[in-house]
Structure formats: C-alpha cells, structure tokens
Amino acid sequence: MLEENLSHKIIGIAMRLQNQYGSQHNERIYQKGYEEQLTKEGIAYVGSYAIWVENA
C-alpha cells in the first residue's frame, strides 16, 4: 500500500508540473520544479549527477 500511495504522489507531482509549465521548456526547468515538489512532499530522491563513461 505504501508504494501505491507513493506512486500516486509522484505521478500527481508530474501532472501538476506539466499543467503548470506546459511542454515547451528545457528539461532543467522541469527537473528543478520536480525536485522542489518532492522535497515539499517529504519524498526522498537522488538528483542528477555526472558519471564517467569510457569507450571500450
């Protein structure tokens, strides 16, 4: 049941952001808004971070 409530909160946040910002913005705008809303809702998350990729 916990996962179901969490899923609903996360999807709700995404839908509110889509309604608020529309679909014409850079991904960073959505990411910042999403992170702000997750924090506001008390939902723990790991933000974006750089990784090293080597060519084989």
N, C-alpha and C. Protein backbone atom coordinates (compact mmCIF):
# COMPACT_ATOMS: atom_id res chain seq x y z
N MET A 1 0.82 -1.19 0.00
CA MET A 1 0.00 0.00 0.00
C MET A 1 0.87 1.26 0.00
N LEU A 2 1.99 1.23 0.69
CA LEU A 2 2.90 2.37 0.73
C LEU A 2 3.37 2.75 -0.66
N GLU A 3 3.75 1.75 -1.46
CA GLU A 3 4.22 2.01 -2.81
C GLU A 3 3.13 2.63 -3.67
N GLU A 4 1.89 2.19 -3.48
CA GLU A 4 0.79 2.73 -4.27
C GLU A 4 0.58 4.21 -3.95
N ASN A 5 0.60 4.58 -2.67
CA ASN A 5 0.46 5.98 -2.28
C ASN A 5 1.61 6.82 -2.82
N LEU A 6 2.82 6.29 -2.75
CA LEU A 6 3.99 7.00 -3.24
C LEU A 6 3.88 7.21 -4.76
N SER A 7 3.46 6.18 -5.46
CA SER A 7 3.30 6.28 -6.91
C SER A 7 2.29 7.36 -7.27
N HIS A 8 1.18 7.40 -6.55
CA HIS A 8 0.16 8.42 -6.81
C HIS A 8 0.70 9.82 -6.56
N LYS A 9 1.48 9.99 -5.50
CA LYS A 9 2.06 11.30 -5.21
C LYS A 9 3.02 11.73 -6.31
N ILE A 10 3.88 10.81 -6.73
CA ILE A 10 4.88 11.12 -7.76
C ILE A 10 4.21 11.46 -9.09
N ILE A 11 3.24 10.68 -9.49
CA ILE A 11 2.52 10.94 -10.73
C ILE A 11 1.75 12.25 -10.64
N GLY A 12 1.16 12.52 -9.48
CA GLY A 12 0.44 13.77 -9.27
C GLY A 12 1.35 14.98 -9.42
N ILE A 13 2.55 14.88 -8.86
CA ILE A 13 3.53 15.96 -8.99
C ILE A 13 3.86 16.19 -10.46
N ALA A 14 4.11 15.11 -11.18
CA ALA A 14 4.45 15.23 -12.60
C ALA A 14 3.32 15.87 -13.39
N MET A 15 2.10 15.50 -13.11
CA MET A 15 0.95 16.06 -13.83
C MET A 15 0.77 17.54 -13.51
N ARG A 16 0.94 17.92 -12.24
CA ARG A 16 0.83 19.33 -11.87
C ARG A 16 1.90 20.18 -12.56
N LEU A 17 3.11 19.65 -12.61
CA LEU A 17 4.19 20.38 -13.29
C LEU A 17 3.90 20.53 -14.78
N GLN A 18 3.40 19.49 -15.40
CA GLN A 18 3.05 19.56 -16.82
C GLN A 18 1.98 20.61 -17.06
N ASN A 19 0.98 20.65 -16.19
CA ASN A 19 -0.09 21.64 -16.32
C ASN A 19 0.45 23.06 -16.07
N GLN A 20 1.35 23.18 -15.12
CA GLN A 20 1.89 24.49 -14.77
C GLN A 20 2.83 25.03 -15.84
N TYR A 21 3.76 24.20 -16.32
CA TYR A 21 4.80 24.65 -17.22
C TYR A 21 4.50 24.40 -18.70
N GLY A 22 3.59 23.49 -19.00
CA GLY A 22 3.35 23.13 -20.38
C GLY A 22 4.45 22.22 -20.89
N SER A 23 4.65 22.19 -22.20
CA SER A 23 5.62 21.24 -22.77
C SER A 23 6.73 21.93 -23.56
N GLN A 24 6.91 23.22 -23.38
CA GLN A 24 7.86 23.95 -24.21
C GLN A 24 9.16 24.34 -23.50
N HIS A 25 9.35 23.88 -22.29
CA HIS A 25 10.53 24.29 -21.53
C HIS A 25 11.66 23.28 -21.60
N ASN A 26 12.83 23.75 -21.23
CA ASN A 26 14.02 22.91 -21.14
C ASN A 26 13.84 21.91 -19.99
N GLU A 27 14.46 20.76 -20.11
CA GLU A 27 14.34 19.71 -19.10
C GLU A 27 14.76 20.19 -17.71
N ARG A 28 15.73 21.09 -17.65
CA ARG A 28 16.20 21.60 -16.35
C ARG A 28 15.10 22.30 -15.58
N ILE A 29 14.21 22.97 -16.28
CA ILE A 29 13.08 23.65 -15.62
C ILE A 29 12.20 22.63 -14.92
N TYR A 30 11.86 21.56 -15.63
CA TYR A 30 11.02 20.52 -15.05
C TYR A 30 11.74 19.81 -13.90
N GLN A 31 13.03 19.56 -14.08
CA GLN A 31 13.80 18.87 -13.05
C GLN A 31 13.82 19.68 -11.76
N LYS A 32 14.07 20.97 -11.86
CA LYS A 32 14.11 21.82 -10.67
C LYS A 32 12.75 21.85 -9.99
N GLY A 33 11.69 22.01 -10.77
CA GLY A 33 10.35 22.01 -10.21
C GLY A 33 10.00 20.69 -9.56
N TYR A 34 10.41 19.60 -10.19
CA TYR A 34 10.14 18.26 -9.66
C TYR A 34 10.86 18.06 -8.34
N GLU A 35 12.13 18.47 -8.29
CA GLU A 35 12.91 18.33 -7.06
C GLU A 35 12.31 19.18 -5.94
N GLU A 36 11.86 20.38 -6.26
CA GLU A 36 11.23 21.24 -5.25
C GLU A 36 9.97 20.60 -4.70
N GLN A 37 9.16 20.03 -5.58
CA GLN A 37 7.91 19.41 -5.13
C GLN A 37 8.15 18.13 -4.34
N LEU A 38 9.14 17.34 -4.75
CA LEU A 38 9.47 16.13 -3.99
C LEU A 38 9.91 16.50 -2.58
N THR A 39 10.73 17.54 -2.47
CA THR A 39 11.18 18.00 -1.15
C THR A 39 9.99 18.49 -0.33
N LYS A 40 9.12 19.28 -0.95
CA LYS A 40 7.94 19.80 -0.27
C LYS A 40 7.06 18.68 0.26
N GLU A 41 6.94 17.59 -0.51
CA GLU A 41 6.11 16.44 -0.12
C GLU A 41 6.83 15.50 0.84
N GLY A 42 8.13 15.77 1.10
CA GLY A 42 8.89 14.92 2.01
C GLY A 42 9.30 13.59 1.39
N ILE A 43 9.44 13.57 0.07
CA ILE A 43 9.81 12.35 -0.65
C ILE A 43 11.31 12.40 -0.93
N ALA A 44 12.03 11.42 -0.42
CA ALA A 44 13.48 11.36 -0.64
C ALA A 44 13.78 10.99 -2.08
N TYR A 45 14.84 11.57 -2.63
CA TYR A 45 15.23 11.28 -4.00
C TYR A 45 16.73 11.52 -4.15
N VAL A 46 17.28 11.02 -5.23
CA VAL A 46 18.66 11.29 -5.61
C VAL A 46 18.60 12.12 -6.88
N GLY A 47 19.17 13.31 -6.85
CA GLY A 47 19.17 14.19 -8.01
C GLY A 47 20.13 13.70 -9.08
N SER A 48 20.21 14.43 -10.14
CA SER A 48 21.12 14.09 -11.23
C SER A 48 22.56 14.25 -10.81
N TYR A 49 23.40 13.42 -11.36
CA TYR A 49 24.82 13.52 -11.10
C TYR A 49 25.58 13.02 -12.31
N ALA A 50 26.80 13.50 -12.47
CA ALA A 50 27.62 13.13 -13.62
C ALA A 50 28.23 11.75 -13.41
N ILE A 51 28.35 11.00 -14.49
CA ILE A 51 29.03 9.71 -14.44
C ILE A 51 30.09 9.69 -15.55
N TRP A 52 31.10 8.90 -15.37
CA TRP A 52 32.16 8.75 -16.34
C TRP A 52 31.85 7.53 -17.19
N VAL A 53 31.89 7.70 -18.51
CA VAL A 53 31.64 6.60 -19.43
C VAL A 53 32.86 6.46 -20.32
N GLU A 54 33.45 5.27 -20.30
CA GLU A 54 34.63 5.02 -21.14
C GLU A 54 34.21 4.30 -22.41
N ASN A 55 34.87 4.64 -23.49
CA ASN A 55 34.66 3.88 -24.72
C ASN A 55 35.49 2.62 -24.65
N ALA A 56 34.91 1.52 -25.01
CA ALA A 56 35.61 0.24 -24.95
C ALA A 56 36.45 0.02 -26.18
